[in-house]
């Protein structure tokens, strides 16, 4: 991609936008950054970019700023349908994103992970499995480290593992992961997409440029994923529930207490030469539930996907087992915060979709006091009815969507409203008896009341710790 001398607009002044602007400036582009936010916290970043010759506008996306732009790089949080961008595209500007830009300069094989839920856990696991297998790995993308940072890094990896969101896939052109992973597709971001089918098409783009000896790992038990898997043009490695009795030469079958991997024939490993690495003495490779320390069936799917991808990228059985032995999950994902008078309190603040809340509820066999609410992303909360009826003892609702949730679920379970997270924790504590579980699993984004899902989870943790001290 030719950059030097081009008039380039980076849209968004977050971590990705800053890294992208610096990268482009180093390569001789005429760089401008536009962010519509009026947040004063952006002033410091703007001044640093201005000091190296980058023009910055804050609080608006002015048409004049985009005029005559040749290249526009969108940050993931910026819709590609905003008026200045569509107008620039009509005038001939190339519209793309940081992932596409970075991939043009990355020579190492990329393992790319997408899906509605489980992306960060699976991406982290793959990185850990490859690292424990003795490979040099860079882990980044939507997980927190922009891929563009790797390009100018002094550290060279053998494999790049990247979490990729649907928003990032919306702006790809030639992005071609050597190993792709599609975990699941359920309703999400319907405030951004015209409908569920458009969201499905966005996720399916992870396979778009793969070919030949590339490898696709996908969830054959997810009907939306299965529907788009017919377009895959490379080696397929599906994983699925054993009860479905699917037949594949190479795959992962998930049973109640183990995952069985068949990988003895045609997988072309990207690193190393031993195409039989997954075999243990000619037998199938097995992972037993006793080797997995993540709760829930959904995490068995994440582990199956991570293991398939790790093998495809050159991982080995001992490295995979070591990584699983050490991994205890990530913060804010069904994370035990405390136990107070026989009641366990779990932070699942990362659960911003209906499907993720259902999966969290299914982990628990005891009655659950469920804390939900936040900003809705166009999700239908009625999809939670069966799971709530089966598992929830009471709902504690807060945030912008609390009345929507009450309307969808209030006829099947007792509800209460909270004004703050501290209030929610207190109401849950009052409703819980010994042996119950209190679960923060919001099914909504956090941006009505908090900076991020992590901030929401930390406030919940502090509220629970305050309860514990008061008793």
Protein backbone atom coordinates (compact mmCIF):
# COMPACT_ATOMS: atom_id res chain seq x y z
CA UNK A 1 0.00 0.00 0.00
CA UNK A 2 1.52 3.33 -1.09
CA UNK A 3 1.44 5.84 1.79
CA UNK A 4 4.12 8.48 1.26
CA UNK A 5 2.69 11.85 0.25
CA UNK A 6 -0.95 10.79 0.46
CA UNK A 7 -3.52 12.96 2.21
CA UNK A 8 -4.76 10.60 4.89
CA UNK A 9 -7.50 11.04 7.48
CA UNK A 10 -7.55 8.85 10.57
CA UNK A 11 -11.02 8.82 12.13
CA UNK A 12 -10.98 8.28 15.89
CA UNK A 13 -8.44 9.37 18.49
CA UNK A 14 -8.41 6.27 20.68
CA UNK A 15 -5.44 3.96 21.15
CA UNK A 16 -5.77 2.54 17.63
CA UNK A 17 -6.15 5.97 16.01
CA UNK A 18 -3.08 7.37 17.76
CA UNK A 19 -0.90 4.40 16.79
CA UNK A 20 -2.16 4.56 13.20
CA UNK A 21 -1.49 8.30 12.89
CA UNK A 22 2.07 7.90 14.17
CA UNK A 23 2.68 4.97 11.81
CA UNK A 24 1.45 6.92 8.78
CA UNK A 25 3.40 10.04 9.68
CA UNK A 26 6.63 8.04 9.93
CA UNK A 27 6.03 6.85 6.39
CA UNK A 28 5.62 10.28 4.90
CA UNK A 29 1.85 10.64 4.70
CA UNK A 30 0.05 13.95 5.18
CA UNK A 31 -1.89 12.90 8.28
CA UNK A 32 -5.03 14.38 9.79
CA UNK A 33 -7.04 12.97 12.71
CA UNK A 34 -10.73 13.65 13.28
CA UNK A 35 -12.70 12.70 16.40
CA UNK A 36 -16.26 13.86 17.05
CA UNK A 37 -15.94 13.45 20.83
CA UNK A 38 -15.93 16.55 23.02
CA UNK A 39 -14.11 14.69 25.81
CA UNK A 40 -11.39 16.94 27.26
CA UNK A 41 -9.30 13.85 27.98
CA UNK A 42 -8.42 13.73 24.28
CA UNK A 43 -6.60 17.08 24.43
CA UNK A 44 -3.30 15.58 25.61
CA UNK A 45 -3.23 13.00 22.81
CA UNK A 46 -4.14 15.69 20.27
CA UNK A 47 -1.24 17.90 21.41
CA UNK A 48 1.26 15.02 21.10
CA UNK A 49 0.16 14.32 17.55
CA UNK A 50 0.19 18.00 16.64
CA UNK A 51 3.77 18.18 17.92
CA UNK A 52 4.85 15.71 15.21
CA UNK A 53 2.97 17.53 12.46
CA UNK A 54 -0.41 15.81 12.52
CA UNK A 55 -3.48 18.02 12.09
CA UNK A 56 -6.22 17.22 14.64
CA UNK A 57 -9.87 18.27 14.93
CA UNK A 58 -11.98 17.42 17.97
CA UNK A 59 -15.70 17.65 18.61
CA UNK A 60 -16.80 17.25 15.01
CA UNK A 61 -16.19 15.52 11.68
CA UNK A 62 -16.12 18.56 9.43
CA UNK A 63 -16.62 18.06 5.69
CA UNK A 64 -13.66 20.34 4.89
CA UNK A 65 -11.35 18.12 6.93
CA UNK A 66 -12.16 15.15 4.71
CA UNK A 67 -12.07 17.08 1.43
CA UNK A 68 -9.58 15.67 -1.13
CA UNK A 69 -8.63 12.82 1.20
CA UNK A 70 -6.99 9.93 -0.66
CA UNK A 71 -6.97 7.42 2.19
CA UNK A 72 -9.28 7.21 5.23
CA UNK A 73 -8.45 4.86 8.11
CA UNK A 74 -11.43 4.21 10.37
CA UNK A 75 -11.04 3.24 14.01
CA UNK A 76 -13.28 0.27 14.99
CA UNK A 77 -15.76 2.40 16.92
CA UNK A 78 -16.52 4.65 13.93
CA UNK A 79 -19.29 3.54 11.52
CA UNK A 80 -18.21 3.60 7.88
CA UNK A 81 -21.63 5.06 7.05
CA UNK A 82 -21.08 8.53 8.55
CA UNK A 83 -21.67 11.29 6.00
CA UNK A 84 -18.11 12.72 5.64
CA UNK A 85 -16.77 9.22 5.00
CA UNK A 86 -19.40 8.23 2.43
CA UNK A 87 -18.90 11.53 0.63
CA UNK A 88 -15.13 11.06 0.55
CA UNK A 89 -15.64 7.54 -0.83
CA UNK A 90 -17.80 8.96 -3.62
CA UNK A 91 -14.94 11.32 -4.47
CA UNK A 92 -12.47 8.43 -4.78
CA UNK A 93 -10.97 8.05 -1.32
CA UNK A 94 -9.96 4.54 -0.24
CA UNK A 95 -11.78 3.62 2.98
CA UNK A 96 -10.18 0.98 5.16
CA UNK A 97 -9.15 0.22 8.74
CA UNK A 98 -6.09 -0.29 10.91
CA UNK A 99 -6.23 -4.10 10.66
CA UNK A 100 -6.11 -3.98 6.87
CA UNK A 101 -3.31 -1.39 6.95
CA UNK A 102 -1.22 -3.37 9.44
CA UNK A 103 -1.72 -6.65 7.58
CA UNK A 104 -0.08 -5.16 4.45
CA UNK A 105 3.15 -4.81 6.44
CA UNK A 106 3.05 -8.04 8.50
CA UNK A 107 4.96 -10.89 6.89
CA UNK A 108 4.43 -13.44 9.67
CA UNK A 109 1.38 -15.77 9.59
CA UNK A 110 -1.68 -14.31 11.29
CA UNK A 111 -4.16 -16.29 13.38
CA UNK A 112 -7.36 -14.22 13.49
CA UNK A 113 -10.20 -14.84 15.96
CA UNK A 114 -13.72 -13.46 15.72
CA UNK A 115 -17.19 -14.27 17.05
CA UNK A 116 -19.84 -12.61 19.15
CA UNK A 117 -18.62 -14.10 22.42
CA UNK A 118 -15.38 -15.64 23.67
CA UNK A 119 -12.96 -13.78 21.37
CA UNK A 120 -10.62 -12.47 24.04
CA UNK A 121 -10.49 -15.72 26.02
CA UNK A 122 -9.80 -17.76 22.87
CA UNK A 123 -7.23 -15.31 21.50
CA UNK A 124 -5.40 -15.27 24.83
CA UNK A 125 -5.46 -19.07 25.04
CA UNK A 126 -4.04 -19.47 21.53
CA UNK A 127 -1.23 -17.08 22.36
CA UNK A 128 -0.48 -18.93 25.59
CA UNK A 129 -0.58 -22.33 23.87
CA UNK A 130 1.85 -21.23 21.17
CA UNK A 131 4.12 -19.56 23.71
CA UNK A 132 4.18 -22.71 25.85
CA UNK A 133 4.97 -24.66 22.66
CA UNK A 134 8.17 -22.64 22.30
CA UNK A 135 7.07 -20.17 19.61
CA UNK A 136 7.54 -16.41 19.65
CA UNK A 137 4.08 -14.85 19.60
CA UNK A 138 2.55 -11.38 19.35
CA UNK A 139 -1.03 -11.16 20.65
CA UNK A 140 -3.03 -8.07 19.73
CA UNK A 141 -5.82 -6.57 17.67
CA UNK A 142 -9.14 -5.89 19.37
CA UNK A 143 -7.71 -7.41 22.55
CA UNK A 144 -5.96 -4.13 23.40
CA UNK A 145 -2.72 -3.89 21.39
CA UNK A 146 -3.26 -2.48 17.89
CA UNK A 147 -1.73 -4.66 15.18
CA UNK A 148 -0.07 -1.56 13.76
CA UNK A 149 2.10 -1.42 16.92
CA UNK A 150 3.63 -4.78 15.98
CA UNK A 151 4.79 -3.52 12.59
CA UNK A 152 7.20 -1.00 14.10
CA UNK A 153 8.08 -3.12 17.11
CA UNK A 154 11.67 -4.28 17.52
CA UNK A 155 10.41 -7.68 18.66
CA UNK A 156 9.76 -10.20 15.87
CA UNK A 157 7.28 -13.00 16.35
CA UNK A 158 6.85 -16.30 14.50
CA UNK A 159 3.06 -16.06 14.73
CA UNK A 160 0.75 -13.06 15.16
CA UNK A 161 -2.50 -13.85 17.01
CA UNK A 162 -5.21 -11.22 16.63
CA UNK A 163 -8.69 -10.72 18.03
CA UNK A 164 -10.79 -9.17 15.26
CA UNK A 165 -14.18 -7.50 15.75
CA UNK A 166 -16.98 -7.27 13.19
CA UNK A 167 -16.28 -3.54 12.94
CA UNK A 168 -12.68 -4.28 11.96
CA UNK A 169 -13.84 -6.85 9.41
CA UNK A 170 -16.14 -4.25 7.88
CA UNK A 171 -13.11 -2.36 6.55
CA UNK A 172 -10.88 -5.19 5.30
CA UNK A 173 -9.87 -5.46 1.65
CA UNK A 174 -7.12 -8.07 1.27
CA UNK A 175 -6.72 -9.12 4.91
CA UNK A 176 -5.86 -12.82 4.82
CA UNK A 177 -5.29 -14.74 8.04
CA UNK A 178 -3.47 -18.03 7.58
CA UNK A 179 -5.69 -19.43 10.34
CA UNK A 180 -9.17 -18.01 10.92
CA UNK A 181 -11.42 -18.78 13.89
CA UNK A 182 -15.18 -18.09 13.97
CA UNK A 183 -16.52 -18.97 17.41
CA UNK A 184 -20.22 -18.13 17.22
CA UNK A 185 -22.69 -15.56 15.86
CA UNK A 186 -25.57 -14.34 18.00
CA UNK A 187 -27.48 -11.06 18.14
CA UNK A 188 -25.19 -8.12 18.85
CA UNK A 189 -24.53 -4.58 17.65
CA UNK A 190 -27.94 -4.33 16.04
CA UNK A 191 -27.79 -0.62 16.80
CA UNK A 192 -24.94 -0.49 14.27
CA UNK A 193 -26.11 -2.97 11.60
CA UNK A 194 -29.39 -2.82 9.63
CA UNK A 195 -30.24 -6.35 10.74
CA UNK A 196 -28.88 -9.68 11.98
CA UNK A 197 -28.06 -10.93 8.46
CA UNK A 198 -25.77 -7.94 7.90
CA UNK A 199 -23.98 -8.72 11.15
CA UNK A 200 -23.59 -12.37 10.10
CA UNK A 201 -22.10 -11.29 6.75
CA UNK A 202 -19.65 -9.07 8.57
CA UNK A 203 -18.40 -11.91 10.77
CA UNK A 204 -18.13 -14.25 7.77
CA UNK A 205 -15.67 -11.88 6.10
CA UNK A 206 -12.90 -13.44 8.19
CA UNK A 207 -12.89 -16.27 5.59
CA UNK A 208 -13.18 -13.96 2.58
CA UNK A 209 -9.57 -13.92 1.37
CA UNK A 210 -8.42 -17.32 2.58
CA UNK A 211 -7.44 -19.93 0.06
CA UNK A 212 -5.33 -23.01 -0.61
CA UNK A 213 -3.49 -24.21 2.46
CA UNK A 214 -5.02 -21.66 4.81
CA UNK A 215 -7.04 -23.09 7.69
CA UNK A 216 -10.48 -22.19 9.02
CA UNK A 217 -11.64 -23.18 12.50
CA UNK A 218 -15.38 -22.77 13.05
CA UNK A 219 -18.28 -23.76 15.28
CA UNK A 220 -20.34 -26.31 13.36
CA UNK A 221 -22.91 -26.38 16.18
CA UNK A 222 -23.82 -22.74 15.60
CA UNK A 223 -26.41 -22.56 12.83
CA UNK A 224 -25.43 -19.06 11.70
CA UNK A 225 -21.76 -20.07 11.51
CA UNK A 226 -22.63 -23.32 9.75
CA UNK A 227 -24.66 -21.38 7.18
CA UNK A 228 -21.68 -19.22 6.13
CA UNK A 229 -19.10 -22.02 6.37
CA UNK A 230 -20.13 -23.27 2.93
CA UNK A 231 -18.22 -20.36 1.41
CA UNK A 232 -14.91 -21.39 2.96
CA UNK A 233 -12.27 -22.07 0.27
CA UNK A 234 -9.53 -23.56 2.44
CA UNK A 235 -8.93 -26.43 4.87
CA UNK A 236 -11.80 -26.74 7.37
CA UNK A 237 -11.39 -27.65 11.03
CA UNK A 238 -14.86 -27.62 12.65
CA UNK A 239 -15.68 -28.17 16.30
CA UNK A 240 -19.10 -29.32 17.47
CA UNK A 241 -21.09 -31.02 20.20
CA UNK A 242 -20.67 -34.78 20.15
CA UNK A 243 -24.45 -35.33 20.25
CA UNK A 244 -24.72 -33.96 16.71
CA UNK A 245 -22.79 -36.94 15.27
CA UNK A 246 -21.16 -34.93 12.50
CA UNK A 247 -18.57 -36.68 10.35
CA UNK A 248 -15.36 -34.82 9.52
CA UNK A 249 -11.90 -36.17 8.77
CA UNK A 250 -10.37 -33.51 11.02
CA UNK A 251 -12.33 -31.85 13.79
CA UNK A 252 -12.95 -31.49 17.51
CA UNK A 253 -15.88 -33.27 19.18
CA UNK A 254 -17.06 -31.88 22.53
CA UNK A 255 -18.57 -34.38 24.98
CA UNK A 256 -19.69 -33.88 28.58
CA UNK A 257 -16.26 -34.57 30.03
CA UNK A 258 -13.72 -34.26 27.23
CA UNK A 259 -12.82 -32.86 23.83
CA UNK A 260 -11.64 -35.34 21.20
CA UNK A 261 -9.44 -34.02 18.40
CA UNK A 262 -8.93 -35.76 15.05
CA UNK A 263 -5.94 -34.12 13.36
CA UNK A 264 -3.85 -36.87 11.86
CA UNK A 265 -4.22 -36.39 8.09
CA UNK A 266 -4.15 -33.14 6.15
CA UNK A 267 -3.53 -30.18 8.45
CA UNK A 268 -0.62 -28.13 7.09
CA UNK A 269 1.11 -26.56 10.06
CA UNK A 270 2.36 -23.03 9.51
CA UNK A 271 5.37 -23.40 11.81
CA UNK A 272 7.47 -26.57 11.91
CA UNK A 273 7.33 -29.59 9.67
CA UNK A 274 5.62 -32.32 11.67
CA UNK A 275 2.11 -32.69 10.30
CA UNK A 276 1.37 -35.35 12.89
CA UNK A 277 2.00 -33.17 15.95
CA UNK A 278 -1.57 -33.54 17.14
CA UNK A 279 -1.33 -37.30 17.32
CA UNK A 280 -0.30 -39.05 20.51
CA UNK A 281 1.02 -42.41 19.44
CA UNK A 282 -1.40 -42.51 16.53
CA UNK A 283 -4.43 -42.03 18.79
CA UNK A 284 -6.77 -39.08 18.90
CA UNK A 285 -5.63 -36.17 21.03
CA UNK A 286 -7.82 -35.82 24.13
CA UNK A 287 -8.41 -33.02 26.59
CA UNK A 288 -10.34 -34.05 29.68
CA UNK A 289 -12.53 -31.68 31.68
CA UNK A 290 -10.18 -32.14 34.63
CA UNK A 291 -7.52 -30.33 32.56
CA UNK A 292 -9.78 -27.31 31.95
CA UNK A 293 -10.24 -24.65 34.60
CA UNK A 294 -12.81 -22.47 32.86
CA UNK A 295 -16.49 -22.85 33.83
CA UNK A 296 -19.30 -23.64 31.41
CA UNK A 297 -19.94 -25.48 28.14
CA UNK A 298 -19.19 -22.31 26.21
CA UNK A 299 -15.64 -22.40 27.49
CA UNK A 300 -15.24 -25.97 26.24
CA UNK A 301 -16.06 -24.54 22.81
CA UNK A 302 -13.48 -21.79 23.32
CA UNK A 303 -10.88 -24.36 24.36
CA UNK A 304 -11.70 -26.59 21.37
CA UNK A 305 -11.31 -23.64 18.99
CA UNK A 306 -8.10 -22.46 20.63
CA UNK A 307 -6.56 -25.93 20.53
CA UNK A 308 -7.41 -26.46 16.86
CA UNK A 309 -5.96 -23.07 15.96
CA UNK A 310 -2.86 -23.64 18.09
CA UNK A 311 -2.17 -26.97 16.42
CA UNK A 312 -2.71 -25.39 13.02
CA UNK A 313 -0.16 -22.69 13.86
CA UNK A 314 2.48 -25.14 15.09
CA UNK A 315 1.59 -25.76 18.71
CA UNK A 316 2.29 -29.12 20.33
CA UNK A 317 0.36 -31.26 22.83
CA UNK A 318 2.62 -30.58 25.80
CA UNK A 319 2.54 -26.82 25.23
CA UNK A 320 -1.23 -26.85 24.88
CA UNK A 321 -1.63 -28.82 28.11
CA UNK A 322 0.72 -26.52 30.01
CA UNK A 323 -1.19 -23.44 28.85
CA UNK A 324 -4.53 -24.93 29.93
CA UNK A 325 -3.11 -25.93 33.31
CA UNK A 326 -2.01 -22.36 33.99
CA UNK A 327 -4.98 -20.46 32.55
CA UNK A 328 -7.69 -19.49 35.04
CA UNK A 329 -9.71 -17.14 32.86
CA UNK A 330 -9.77 -13.39 32.32
CA UNK A 331 -11.18 -10.65 34.58
CA UNK A 332 -14.90 -9.83 34.37
CA UNK A 333 -15.83 -13.18 32.80
CA UNK A 334 -17.75 -15.23 35.43
CA UNK A 335 -15.04 -14.19 37.89
CA UNK A 336 -15.60 -15.06 41.55
CA UNK A 337 -15.34 -11.84 43.56
CA UNK A 338 -16.23 -12.95 47.09
CA UNK A 339 -18.33 -15.25 49.25
CA UNK A 340 -20.43 -13.61 51.95
CA UNK A 341 -22.46 -15.72 54.39
CA UNK A 342 -22.61 -18.63 51.95
CA UNK A 343 -23.52 -16.45 48.95
CA UNK A 344 -21.04 -16.29 46.04
CA UNK A 345 -20.72 -13.07 44.03
CA UNK A 346 -19.56 -13.28 40.40
CA UNK A 347 -18.48 -10.51 38.03
CA UNK A 348 -19.48 -11.25 34.44
CA UNK A 349 -19.47 -7.61 33.31
CA UNK A 350 -18.08 -8.59 29.90
CA UNK A 351 -21.42 -10.28 29.10
CA UNK A 352 -22.94 -7.62 26.84
CA UNK A 353 -25.16 -9.96 24.78
CA UNK A 354 -28.16 -12.17 25.49
CA UNK A 355 -26.24 -15.29 24.47
CA UNK A 356 -23.40 -14.60 26.88
CA UNK A 357 -25.88 -14.15 29.76
CA UNK A 358 -27.58 -17.44 28.88
CA UNK A 359 -24.24 -19.23 28.90
CA UNK A 360 -23.33 -17.66 32.25
CA UNK A 361 -26.64 -18.70 33.83
CA UNK A 362 -26.16 -22.26 32.62
CA UNK A 363 -22.95 -22.51 34.65
CA UNK A 364 -24.88 -22.34 37.94
CA UNK A 365 -27.13 -25.01 39.46
CA UNK A 366 -28.06 -22.93 42.53
CA UNK A 367 -30.59 -20.02 42.46
CA UNK A 368 -29.18 -16.84 40.88
CA UNK A 369 -29.90 -13.22 41.75
CA UNK A 370 -29.08 -11.64 38.40
CA UNK A 371 -27.95 -8.02 38.03
CA UNK A 372 -28.70 -6.77 34.52
CA UNK A 373 -28.93 -3.53 32.58
CA UNK A 374 -27.04 -0.79 30.82
CA UNK A 375 -27.34 0.52 27.29
CA UNK A 376 -29.15 -1.76 24.83
CA UNK A 377 -27.51 -2.53 21.48
CA UNK A 378 -30.77 -3.39 19.77
CA UNK A 379 -30.99 -6.78 21.51
CA UNK A 380 -34.24 -8.65 22.13
CA UNK A 381 -34.27 -9.40 25.86
CA UNK A 382 -37.19 -11.83 25.45
CA UNK A 383 -34.63 -14.37 24.24
CA UNK A 384 -33.59 -14.68 27.88
CA UNK A 385 -36.98 -15.89 29.12
CA UNK A 386 -36.26 -19.61 29.31
CA UNK A 387 -32.85 -19.20 30.93
CA UNK A 388 -34.17 -16.68 33.43
CA UNK A 389 -37.20 -18.85 34.26
CA UNK A 390 -34.90 -21.84 34.88
CA UNK A 391 -32.06 -20.19 36.78
CA UNK A 392 -32.94 -16.75 38.16
CA UNK A 393 -34.49 -16.16 41.58
CA UNK A 394 -34.67 -12.38 41.16
CA UNK A 395 -33.55 -9.66 38.73
CA UNK A 396 -31.89 -6.46 39.90
CA UNK A 397 -32.12 -3.93 37.07
CA UNK A 398 -30.19 -0.73 36.45
CA UNK A 399 -29.23 1.62 33.66
CA UNK A 400 -31.00 2.85 30.54
CA UNK A 401 -32.44 -0.52 29.54
CA UNK A 402 -33.95 -1.53 32.88
CA UNK A 403 -37.55 -0.87 31.85
CA UNK A 404 -37.06 -2.74 28.55
CA UNK A 405 -35.74 -5.71 30.50
CA UNK A 406 -38.58 -5.52 33.01
CA UNK A 407 -41.11 -5.46 30.17
CA UNK A 408 -39.54 -8.55 28.59
CA UNK A 409 -38.97 -10.60 31.75
CA UNK A 410 -40.89 -9.09 34.65
CA UNK A 411 -43.86 -11.43 34.32
CA UNK A 412 -41.76 -14.54 35.01
CA UNK A 413 -39.44 -13.36 37.79
CA UNK A 414 -39.45 -10.82 40.60
CA UNK A 415 -37.59 -7.61 39.73
CA UNK A 416 -36.19 -4.61 41.58
CA UNK A 417 -34.65 -1.37 40.32
CA UNK A 418 -31.34 0.13 41.39
CA UNK A 419 -29.99 3.61 40.74
CA UNK A 420 -26.32 2.72 41.16
CA UNK A 421 -24.15 -0.39 41.15
CA UNK A 422 -23.78 -0.03 44.91
CA UNK A 423 -27.57 -0.09 45.24
CA UNK A 424 -27.74 -3.14 42.95
CA UNK A 425 -25.19 -5.06 45.03
CA UNK A 426 -27.06 -4.15 48.20
CA UNK A 427 -30.45 -5.26 46.84
CA UNK A 428 -28.92 -8.52 45.62
CA UNK A 429 -27.38 -9.11 49.03
CA UNK A 430 -30.76 -8.59 50.73
CA UNK A 431 -32.46 -11.03 48.33
CA UNK A 432 -29.86 -13.79 48.58
CA UNK A 433 -29.88 -16.71 50.99
CA UNK A 434 -26.99 -19.01 51.82
CA UNK A 435 -26.27 -21.23 48.83
CA UNK A 436 -27.46 -18.64 46.28
CA UNK A 437 -25.34 -16.90 43.67
CA UNK A 438 -25.27 -13.19 42.85
CA UNK A 439 -24.26 -12.67 39.24
CA UNK A 440 -23.53 -9.41 37.43
CA UNK A 441 -24.20 -10.34 33.80
CA UNK A 442 -25.68 -7.22 32.17
CA UNK A 443 -26.61 -8.16 28.55
CA UNK A 444 -25.90 -4.50 27.75
CA UNK A 445 -22.99 -2.17 27.12
CA UNK A 446 -21.71 -0.09 30.01
CA UNK A 447 -21.56 3.35 28.40
CA UNK A 448 -24.68 4.79 30.04
CA UNK A 449 -23.06 4.74 33.49
CA UNK A 450 -19.44 3.55 33.15
CA UNK A 451 -16.34 4.07 31.01
CA UNK A 452 -16.15 0.43 29.97
CA UNK A 453 -17.24 -3.08 30.94
CA UNK A 454 -14.03 -3.31 32.99
CA UNK A 455 -14.89 -0.13 34.89
CA UNK A 456 -18.40 -1.50 35.54
CA UNK A 457 -16.90 -4.74 36.86
CA UNK A 458 -14.48 -2.90 39.14
CA UNK A 459 -17.29 -0.82 40.62
CA UNK A 460 -19.24 -4.04 41.26
CA UNK A 461 -16.19 -5.59 42.90
CA UNK A 462 -15.75 -2.57 45.17
CA UNK A 463 -19.43 -2.65 46.09
CA UNK A 464 -19.22 -6.33 47.04
CA UNK A 465 -16.03 -5.78 49.04
CA UNK A 466 -17.75 -2.94 50.90
CA UNK A 467 -20.64 -5.28 51.71
CA UNK A 468 -18.24 -7.87 53.02
CA UNK A 469 -16.52 -5.33 55.29
CA UNK A 470 -19.85 -4.12 56.66
CA UNK A 471 -20.91 -7.55 57.91
